[in-house]
């Protein structure tokens, strides 16, 4: 890894993943990112040492230029500490295991050594020189207005696409051929759409300097923008269960803290595979399993927001599922 001072001025990609998804799809993502990465692997509390050994073996096969930028960590649950004799006795079955997604995100951030972060999910691919180009904008914008989120558009591409788009021209070509779409637009349109997409595509790419396209109003409770920010943003609320507003809740709290959401020109993130409404039943089944926990979490969250930030209640949409 680079020196602390060098890394401090960069953007760290913060990732979390379940141990059984550690494969070449993750490697493709890591190779597309040109900055430091903090990587949290979540494992169930059973056969811990064996699983860690498997993770180490998988990572050891990654290229050295990826490993040199990577800070990898393992997260598992233990009520009695981390001594070897305790870990040897852990036997938490998979059936009772709930994926601790926001604990993983928050713990991963504890290992970040940079000023700026992009907290992402796995398998997103980035344009060439995303981190270095965005870093210049972050140093300018976030110095002047620290409570800003630099938002990037996100897309999905058809499974048949072998070579992922690495610049806006390649993405634009796929989009107008119907081989790329806004992220989840065929699955849940409200979550990720951002207005004036044609205008964004048609604006000539500036490869020398990234700049702000527009300021976005946080008017939809389901909106889940992806962004670069200072690492001083709030932590994810750990009361929220996996798949029920676990990521949206961070955006809600940033809205209540009166953050500005600024759309960036030219840069984007892209995911292979286009989700459709055929994928909804599985999601609904998972959400039904977590509904009781969500109901408690949203009640506590609303109370906390109204207590801590009463002055911004009318600036943000009503929070809920």
Protein backbone atom coordinates (compact mmCIF):
# COMPACT_ATOMS: atom_id res chain seq x y z
CA UNK A 1 0.00 0.00 0.00
CA UNK A 2 1.02 3.61 -0.48
CA UNK A 3 2.11 5.90 2.34
CA UNK A 4 -0.57 7.28 4.65
CA UNK A 5 -0.11 10.84 3.37
CA UNK A 6 -0.46 9.78 -0.27
CA UNK A 7 -3.57 7.72 0.42
CA UNK A 8 -5.15 10.47 2.54
CA UNK A 9 -5.72 12.65 -0.54
CA UNK A 10 -7.35 9.83 -2.54
CA UNK A 11 -10.75 8.12 -2.77
CA UNK A 12 -11.08 4.71 -1.13
CA UNK A 13 -13.52 2.25 -2.66
CA UNK A 14 -15.32 0.62 0.30
CA UNK A 15 -16.75 -2.84 -0.46
CA UNK A 16 -18.45 -5.59 1.52
CA UNK A 17 -19.23 -9.07 0.26
CA UNK A 18 -20.36 -12.47 1.49
CA UNK A 19 -17.51 -15.00 1.47
CA UNK A 20 -19.29 -17.24 -1.07
CA UNK A 21 -19.34 -14.42 -3.65
CA UNK A 22 -15.58 -13.94 -3.65
CA UNK A 23 -14.75 -14.77 -7.28
CA UNK A 24 -13.51 -13.34 -10.59
CA UNK A 25 -16.46 -10.93 -10.84
CA UNK A 26 -14.97 -9.10 -7.86
CA UNK A 27 -11.56 -9.16 -9.51
CA UNK A 28 -13.01 -7.44 -12.59
CA UNK A 29 -14.34 -4.68 -10.35
CA UNK A 30 -11.06 -4.26 -8.47
CA UNK A 31 -9.08 -4.08 -11.71
CA UNK A 32 -11.32 -1.30 -13.03
CA UNK A 33 -10.66 0.88 -9.95
CA UNK A 34 -7.42 2.88 -9.93
CA UNK A 35 -7.34 3.85 -6.24
CA UNK A 36 -7.15 2.25 -2.78
CA UNK A 37 -9.75 -0.34 -1.73
CA UNK A 38 -11.01 -1.43 1.68
CA UNK A 39 -12.63 -4.82 1.31
CA UNK A 40 -14.74 -6.52 4.01
CA UNK A 41 -15.56 -10.23 3.64
CA UNK A 42 -18.43 -11.46 5.84
CA UNK A 43 -18.41 -15.08 7.00
CA UNK A 44 -20.74 -17.10 9.25
CA UNK A 45 -19.39 -18.08 12.65
CA UNK A 46 -18.69 -21.71 11.80
CA UNK A 47 -15.42 -23.24 10.55
CA UNK A 48 -13.97 -19.74 10.78
CA UNK A 49 -10.30 -20.64 10.27
CA UNK A 50 -11.04 -22.89 7.31
CA UNK A 51 -13.10 -20.15 5.66
CA UNK A 52 -10.41 -17.53 6.29
CA UNK A 53 -7.81 -19.85 4.74
CA UNK A 54 -10.00 -20.27 1.65
CA UNK A 55 -10.35 -16.47 1.41
CA UNK A 56 -6.57 -16.03 1.67
CA UNK A 57 -6.00 -18.61 -1.07
CA UNK A 58 -8.49 -16.89 -3.37
CA UNK A 59 -6.98 -13.45 -2.79
CA UNK A 60 -3.45 -14.80 -3.31
CA UNK A 61 -4.38 -15.57 -6.91
CA UNK A 62 -5.28 -11.92 -7.60
CA UNK A 63 -2.66 -9.91 -9.55
CA UNK A 64 -0.08 -8.01 -7.52
CA UNK A 65 -1.18 -4.62 -8.89
CA UNK A 66 -4.63 -5.29 -7.36
CA UNK A 67 -3.30 -6.60 -4.05
CA UNK A 68 -1.01 -3.57 -3.70
CA UNK A 69 -4.09 -1.32 -3.50
CA UNK A 70 -6.20 -3.70 -1.40
CA UNK A 71 -6.82 -3.72 2.36
CA UNK A 72 -8.81 -6.92 3.04
CA UNK A 73 -10.61 -7.80 6.29
CA UNK A 74 -12.88 -10.54 7.61
CA UNK A 75 -16.00 -10.02 9.74
CA UNK A 76 -17.74 -12.70 11.81
CA UNK A 77 -19.81 -12.74 14.97
CA UNK A 78 -18.50 -13.92 18.33
CA UNK A 79 -20.02 -13.09 21.71
CA UNK A 80 -16.94 -14.21 23.60
CA UNK A 81 -14.00 -12.56 21.84
CA UNK A 82 -11.51 -13.69 19.21
CA UNK A 83 -9.12 -16.01 21.03
CA UNK A 84 -8.36 -19.21 19.14
CA UNK A 85 -10.06 -21.57 21.60
CA UNK A 86 -13.22 -19.44 21.46
CA UNK A 87 -13.27 -19.29 17.66
CA UNK A 88 -12.74 -23.05 17.42
CA UNK A 89 -16.00 -23.57 19.32
CA UNK A 90 -18.12 -21.21 17.22
CA UNK A 91 -20.87 -23.10 15.42
CA UNK A 92 -23.44 -20.65 14.07
CA UNK A 93 -25.43 -22.41 11.37
CA UNK A 94 -26.14 -20.76 8.03
CA UNK A 95 -29.89 -21.13 8.59
CA UNK A 96 -29.81 -18.69 11.51
CA UNK A 97 -27.38 -16.29 9.88
CA UNK A 98 -28.55 -12.81 8.91
CA UNK A 99 -26.25 -10.89 6.64
CA UNK A 100 -24.93 -7.95 8.73
CA UNK A 101 -24.62 -5.59 5.80
CA UNK A 102 -24.47 -2.26 7.62
CA UNK A 103 -22.15 -3.54 10.32
CA UNK A 104 -19.86 -4.64 7.48
CA UNK A 105 -20.04 -1.24 5.77
CA UNK A 106 -19.31 0.60 8.99
CA UNK A 107 -16.46 -1.64 10.12
CA UNK A 108 -14.90 -1.41 6.66
CA UNK A 109 -14.88 2.38 6.98
CA UNK A 110 -12.86 2.09 10.20
CA UNK A 111 -9.94 0.87 8.06
CA UNK A 112 -10.15 3.69 5.51
CA UNK A 113 -7.06 5.93 5.48
CA UNK A 114 -8.25 8.45 2.89
CA UNK A 115 -10.22 11.67 3.14
CA UNK A 116 -12.74 10.59 0.49
CA UNK A 117 -14.83 7.42 0.07
CA UNK A 118 -17.09 5.69 -2.42
CA UNK A 119 -19.17 3.11 -0.54
CA UNK A 120 -20.25 0.65 -3.22
CA UNK A 121 -21.75 -2.78 -3.65
CA UNK A 122 -19.86 -5.52 -5.43
CA UNK A 123 -19.38 -6.03 -9.17
CA UNK A 124 -19.75 -2.42 -10.33
CA UNK A 125 -17.24 -1.50 -13.04
CA UNK A 126 -15.74 1.98 -13.32
CA UNK A 127 -14.59 4.06 -16.31
CA UNK A 128 -10.87 4.42 -16.92
CA UNK A 129 -9.15 6.72 -14.40
CA UNK A 130 -12.38 7.19 -12.45
CA UNK A 131 -10.64 7.67 -9.11
CA UNK A 132 -7.96 10.08 -10.27
CA UNK A 133 -10.44 12.19 -12.29
CA UNK A 134 -13.02 12.29 -9.50
CA UNK A 135 -10.34 13.03 -6.91
CA UNK A 136 -9.50 16.35 -8.56
CA UNK A 137 -13.17 17.36 -8.43
CA UNK A 138 -13.52 16.19 -4.81
CA UNK A 139 -10.51 18.21 -3.69
CA UNK A 140 -12.08 21.31 -5.20
CA UNK A 141 -15.77 20.88 -4.36
CA UNK A 142 -15.56 19.16 -0.97
CA UNK A 143 -13.02 21.65 0.35
CA UNK A 144 -15.44 24.49 -0.37
CA UNK A 145 -18.60 22.60 0.65
CA UNK A 146 -17.83 19.53 2.79
CA UNK A 147 -21.50 18.53 3.02
CA UNK A 148 -21.70 17.56 -0.65
CA UNK A 149 -22.25 14.16 -2.26
CA UNK A 150 -20.75 13.90 -5.76
CA UNK A 151 -23.34 11.71 -7.48
CA UNK A 152 -22.60 9.45 -10.45
CA UNK A 153 -25.14 7.79 -12.71
CA UNK A 154 -25.31 4.00 -12.57
CA UNK A 155 -26.25 1.57 -15.33
CA UNK A 156 -26.75 -2.11 -16.14
CA UNK A 157 -25.58 -3.82 -19.32
CA UNK A 158 -26.86 -6.95 -21.02
CA UNK A 159 -25.28 -10.25 -19.96
CA UNK A 160 -24.07 -10.80 -23.52
CA UNK A 161 -21.64 -7.87 -23.29
CA UNK A 162 -18.14 -9.24 -22.76
CA UNK A 163 -16.22 -5.94 -22.75
CA UNK A 164 -17.68 -3.54 -20.21
CA UNK A 165 -17.91 0.16 -21.24
CA UNK A 166 -14.97 2.13 -19.84
CA UNK A 167 -15.89 5.59 -21.13
CA UNK A 168 -19.06 7.55 -21.85
CA UNK A 169 -18.88 7.04 -25.62
CA UNK A 170 -18.86 3.24 -25.21
CA UNK A 171 -21.71 3.42 -22.68
CA UNK A 172 -23.73 5.73 -24.93
CA UNK A 173 -23.39 3.33 -27.87
CA UNK A 174 -24.66 0.41 -25.79
CA UNK A 175 -27.48 2.50 -24.33
CA UNK A 176 -28.89 3.56 -27.69
CA UNK A 177 -28.63 -0.03 -28.95
CA UNK A 178 -30.78 -1.11 -26.00
CA UNK A 179 -27.92 -3.10 -24.45
CA UNK A 180 -27.51 -0.76 -21.46
CA UNK A 181 -30.16 0.81 -19.22
CA UNK A 182 -30.29 2.93 -16.10
CA UNK A 183 -29.72 0.73 -13.06
CA UNK A 184 -32.85 -1.25 -12.08
CA UNK A 185 -35.06 0.77 -14.45
CA UNK A 186 -36.84 -2.46 -15.50
CA UNK A 187 -37.00 -3.69 -11.90
CA UNK A 188 -37.81 -0.74 -9.66
CA UNK A 189 -37.77 2.54 -11.53
CA UNK A 190 -37.94 4.87 -8.53
CA UNK A 191 -34.68 3.88 -6.87
CA UNK A 192 -31.94 5.07 -9.21
CA UNK A 193 -33.28 7.19 -12.08
CA UNK A 194 -31.90 10.71 -12.47
CA UNK A 195 -33.58 13.23 -14.82
CA UNK A 196 -32.21 14.58 -18.12
CA UNK A 197 -30.27 11.49 -19.16
CA UNK A 198 -30.24 12.48 -22.86
CA UNK A 199 -28.67 15.82 -21.99
CA UNK A 200 -26.01 14.07 -19.88
CA UNK A 201 -25.19 11.65 -22.72
CA UNK A 202 -25.09 14.36 -25.37
CA UNK A 203 -22.73 16.65 -23.46
CA UNK A 204 -19.26 16.15 -24.92
CA UNK A 205 -16.95 14.31 -22.53
CA UNK A 206 -14.21 16.41 -20.97
CA UNK A 207 -11.31 14.03 -20.43
CA UNK A 208 -9.15 16.71 -18.85
CA UNK A 209 -11.49 17.88 -16.10
CA UNK A 210 -14.62 16.46 -14.46
CA UNK A 211 -17.24 19.00 -13.45
CA UNK A 212 -20.70 19.33 -11.91
CA UNK A 213 -23.71 18.87 -14.18
CA UNK A 214 -26.50 19.97 -11.83
CA UNK A 215 -27.78 19.99 -8.24
CA UNK A 216 -30.33 17.24 -7.56
CA UNK A 217 -33.31 17.60 -5.25
CA UNK A 218 -33.84 14.75 -2.77
CA UNK A 219 -37.59 14.44 -3.32
CA UNK A 220 -38.17 10.65 -3.53
CA UNK A 221 -37.79 8.46 -0.48
CA UNK A 222 -36.69 5.50 -2.60
CA UNK A 223 -33.88 7.36 -4.33
CA UNK A 224 -30.52 5.72 -3.71
CA UNK A 225 -27.79 7.74 -5.42
CA UNK A 226 -24.22 6.45 -5.62
CA UNK A 227 -21.65 9.07 -4.72
CA UNK A 228 -18.19 10.13 -3.61
CA UNK A 229 -18.00 12.09 -0.36
CA UNK A 230 -15.83 12.88 2.61
CA UNK A 231 -15.45 9.99 5.04
CA UNK A 232 -17.17 12.20 7.63
CA UNK A 233 -20.65 11.28 6.35
CA UNK A 234 -22.87 9.41 8.85
CA UNK A 235 -22.47 5.70 9.40
CA UNK A 236 -25.11 3.33 8.04
CA UNK A 237 -27.86 2.68 10.59
CA UNK A 238 -27.21 -0.88 11.78
CA UNK A 239 -30.81 -1.45 12.89
CA UNK A 240 -31.90 -1.82 9.26
CA UNK A 241 -31.97 -5.37 7.83
CA UNK A 242 -30.40 -6.47 4.58
CA UNK A 243 -32.57 -5.66 1.51
CA UNK A 244 -35.00 -3.29 3.28
CA UNK A 245 -33.66 0.27 2.98
CA UNK A 246 -30.29 -0.77 4.44
CA UNK A 247 -28.46 1.49 1.97
CA UNK A 248 -31.16 4.10 1.39
CA UNK A 249 -31.12 5.00 5.08
CA UNK A 250 -27.70 6.65 4.74
CA UNK A 251 -29.11 8.95 2.05
CA UNK A 252 -32.09 9.77 4.27
CA UNK A 253 -29.82 10.82 7.10
CA UNK A 254 -27.67 12.90 4.75
CA UNK A 255 -30.83 14.64 3.54
CA UNK A 256 -31.77 15.43 7.14
CA UNK A 257 -28.23 16.78 7.66
CA UNK A 258 -28.89 19.04 4.66
CA UNK A 259 -26.29 17.59 2.30
CA UNK A 260 -26.16 18.79 -1.31
CA UNK A 261 -26.42 16.07 -3.98
CA UNK A 262 -24.45 17.22 -7.04
CA UNK A 263 -24.57 15.21 -10.28
CA UNK A 264 -21.19 14.75 -11.97
CA UNK A 265 -20.65 14.83 -15.74
CA UNK A 266 -19.03 11.96 -17.68
CA UNK A 267 -18.28 9.51 -14.83
CA UNK A 268 -20.55 6.53 -14.08
CA UNK A 269 -20.73 3.01 -12.65
CA UNK A 270 -22.00 -0.03 -14.54
CA UNK A 271 -23.15 -3.52 -13.50
CA UNK A 272 -23.38 -6.62 -15.69
CA UNK A 273 -26.89 -8.10 -15.98
CA UNK A 274 -30.24 -6.33 -16.28
CA UNK A 275 -32.73 -6.98 -13.47
CA UNK A 276 -36.41 -7.14 -14.41
CA UNK A 277 -39.73 -7.53 -12.60
CA UNK A 278 -39.17 -11.30 -12.83
CA UNK A 279 -36.59 -10.84 -10.07
CA UNK A 280 -39.09 -9.15 -7.72
CA UNK A 281 -40.62 -12.28 -6.07
CA UNK A 282 -37.28 -13.35 -4.58
CA UNK A 283 -36.66 -9.85 -3.24
CA UNK A 284 -40.17 -9.65 -1.78
CA UNK A 285 -39.67 -13.01 -0.06
CA UNK A 286 -36.43 -11.78 1.53
CA UNK A 287 -38.05 -8.51 2.56
CA UNK A 288 -41.02 -10.29 4.14
CA UNK A 289 -38.60 -12.22 6.32
CA UNK A 290 -37.06 -8.91 7.50
CA UNK A 291 -40.25 -6.85 7.83
CA UNK A 292 -40.54 -7.02 11.62
CA UNK A 293 -36.95 -5.84 12.09
CA UNK A 294 -37.51 -3.06 9.55
CA UNK A 295 -40.63 -1.81 11.34
CA UNK A 296 -38.66 -1.34 14.55
CA UNK A 297 -35.71 0.21 12.71
CA UNK A 298 -37.75 2.80 10.82
CA UNK A 299 -39.60 3.86 13.97
CA UNK A 300 -36.34 4.38 15.88
CA UNK A 301 -34.75 6.14 12.91
CA UNK A 302 -37.59 8.63 12.51
CA UNK A 303 -37.48 9.42 16.22
CA UNK A 304 -33.72 9.97 16.07
CA UNK A 305 -33.96 12.21 12.98
CA UNK A 306 -36.70 14.37 14.51
CA UNK A 307 -34.71 14.72 17.72
CA UNK A 308 -31.35 15.50 16.09
CA UNK A 309 -32.46 17.45 13.00
CA UNK A 310 -35.94 18.92 13.60
CA UNK A 311 -35.23 21.92 11.35
CA UNK A 312 -34.91 19.77 8.18
CA UNK A 313 -38.02 17.61 8.53
CA UNK A 314 -39.87 19.41 5.73
CA UNK A 315 -36.85 19.37 3.40
CA UNK A 316 -36.91 15.58 2.95
CA UNK A 317 -39.53 13.06 1.79
CA UNK A 318 -41.43 10.89 4.27
CA UNK A 319 -39.25 7.87 5.04
CA UNK A 320 -40.61 4.35 4.70
CA UNK A 321 -40.51 1.07 2.78
